[in-house]
Amino acid sequence: MDKAIKDTFKQAFSRIDKLEEIQGSNNGCKSVQLLGKDFDGLEKGYVQMAGAIGDIRISAEKMEKQIDSMPSPATIRWFVGLIAVYMISFGTYVVSSLQQNEVMITKIMEHIQ
């Protein structure tokens, strides 16, 4: 009876050892191989997404630096306002100069006649 019990335990343990060997090897059952491939695929996808997130973070930082280097809206309003005042002043000067010239031409013409 001891011999039969020893043989039974040897068979059971040898089956357990074979199962562990199959699970640990690359040549395991199809479901284990497929799970391994799925895991590898997910890992590659995760690495690619992490790289893409890093690239997006870098480009966002570059955009923030460019936005920070731009003049503020108040500065732009002041600049546009100054340009408008200059244009109005210059236009007024030109119109007044033309009127003065016209008056002078009229006086000269009256003097000639």
Protein backbone atom coordinates (compact mmCIF):
# COMPACT_ATOMS: atom_id res chain seq x y z
CA MET A 1 0.00 0.00 0.00
CA ASP A 2 2.90 2.41 0.71
CA LYS A 3 4.24 1.75 -2.75
CA ALA A 4 0.86 2.57 -4.32
CA ILE A 5 0.60 5.81 -2.32
CA LYS A 6 4.17 6.78 -3.34
CA ASP A 7 3.39 6.09 -6.99
CA THR A 8 0.17 8.12 -6.81
CA PHE A 9 1.97 11.10 -5.24
CA LYS A 10 4.80 10.83 -7.80
CA GLN A 11 2.27 10.93 -10.64
CA ALA A 12 0.40 13.89 -9.09
CA PHE A 13 3.58 15.85 -8.45
CA SER A 14 4.96 15.05 -11.90
CA ARG A 15 1.74 16.41 -13.43
CA ILE A 16 2.03 19.57 -11.32
CA ASP A 17 5.67 19.94 -12.38
CA LYS A 18 4.70 19.53 -16.03
CA LEU A 19 1.96 22.18 -15.69
CA GLU A 20 4.41 24.61 -14.09
CA GLU A 21 6.94 23.88 -16.82
CA ILE A 22 4.34 24.53 -19.55
CA GLN A 23 3.20 27.79 -17.93
CA GLY A 24 6.75 29.06 -17.47
CA SER A 25 7.95 28.20 -20.97
CA ASN A 26 7.44 30.10 -24.20
CA ASN A 27 5.93 27.01 -25.69
CA GLY A 28 3.03 26.89 -23.23
CA CYS A 29 -0.55 26.23 -24.17
CA LYS A 30 -2.17 28.48 -26.79
CA SER A 31 -4.15 30.54 -24.30
CA VAL A 32 -0.99 31.33 -22.33
CA GLN A 33 0.85 32.25 -25.54
CA LEU A 34 -2.02 34.50 -26.63
CA LEU A 35 -2.15 36.16 -23.22
CA GLY A 36 1.59 36.75 -23.41
CA LYS A 37 1.23 38.35 -26.85
CA ASP A 38 -1.67 40.50 -25.64
CA PHE A 39 0.38 41.62 -22.67
CA ASP A 40 3.35 42.46 -24.90
CA GLY A 41 1.08 44.40 -27.25
CA LEU A 42 -0.45 46.34 -24.37
CA GLU A 43 2.97 47.11 -23.00
CA LYS A 44 4.16 48.46 -26.38
CA GLY A 45 1.00 50.55 -26.67
CA TYR A 46 1.55 51.94 -23.19
CA VAL A 47 5.14 52.87 -24.02
CA GLN A 48 4.03 54.59 -27.25
CA MET A 49 1.30 56.53 -25.43
CA ALA A 50 3.76 57.59 -22.74
CA GLY A 51 6.10 58.87 -25.47
CA ALA A 52 3.24 60.72 -27.17
CA ILE A 53 2.22 62.31 -23.87
CA GLY A 54 5.81 63.42 -23.36
CA ASP A 55 5.88 64.98 -26.85
CA ILE A 56 2.59 66.77 -26.18
CA ARG A 57 3.90 68.07 -22.87
CA ILE A 58 7.03 69.43 -24.58
CA SER A 59 5.02 71.14 -27.34
CA ALA A 60 2.64 72.60 -24.73
CA GLU A 61 5.60 74.04 -22.83
CA LYS A 62 6.94 75.58 -26.06
CA MET A 63 3.55 77.14 -26.78
CA GLU A 64 3.35 78.53 -23.25
CA LYS A 65 6.77 80.13 -23.66
CA GLN A 66 5.71 81.71 -26.96
CA ILE A 67 2.46 82.97 -25.47
CA ASP A 68 4.34 84.39 -22.49
CA SER A 69 6.76 86.20 -24.82
CA MET A 70 3.92 87.92 -26.70
CA PRO A 71 2.96 91.46 -25.66
CA SER A 72 -0.01 91.83 -23.38
CA PRO A 73 -3.40 92.96 -24.75
CA ALA A 74 -3.03 96.27 -22.91
CA THR A 75 0.28 96.94 -24.67
CA ILE A 76 -1.28 96.17 -28.05
CA ARG A 77 -4.20 98.55 -27.30
CA TRP A 78 -1.78 101.33 -26.36
CA PHE A 79 0.25 100.77 -29.51
CA VAL A 80 -2.85 100.82 -31.73
CA GLY A 81 -4.09 103.93 -29.92
CA LEU A 82 -0.81 105.75 -30.46
CA ILE A 83 -0.81 104.81 -34.14
CA ALA A 84 -4.39 106.11 -34.48
CA VAL A 85 -3.49 109.42 -32.75
CA TYR A 86 -0.42 109.79 -34.98
CA MET A 87 -2.47 109.14 -38.11
CA ILE A 88 -5.11 111.68 -37.08
CA SER A 89 -2.41 114.26 -36.25
CA PHE A 90 -0.62 113.67 -39.54
CA GLY A 91 -3.90 113.89 -41.46
CA THR A 92 -4.76 117.16 -39.73
CA TYR A 93 -1.30 118.53 -40.58
CA VAL A 94 -1.63 117.57 -44.23
CA VAL A 95 -5.11 119.08 -44.54
CA SER A 96 -4.05 122.33 -42.85
CA SER A 97 -0.93 122.53 -45.08
CA LEU A 98 -3.06 122.05 -48.19
CA GLN A 99 -5.46 124.76 -47.03
CA GLN A 100 -2.57 127.17 -46.37
CA ASN A 101 -1.12 126.45 -49.79
CA GLU A 102 -4.51 126.98 -51.38
CA VAL A 103 -4.93 130.32 -49.59
CA MET A 104 -1.45 131.40 -50.69
CA ILE A 105 -2.16 130.41 -54.28
CA THR A 106 -5.44 132.35 -54.17
CA LYS A 107 -3.65 135.45 -52.80
CA ILE A 108 -0.95 135.20 -55.46
CA MET A 109 -3.57 134.84 -58.17
CA GLU A 110 -5.45 137.91 -56.84
CA HIS A 111 -2.24 139.87 -56.68
CA ILE A 112 -1.34 138.94 -60.26
CA GLN A 113 -4.72 140.08 -61.60
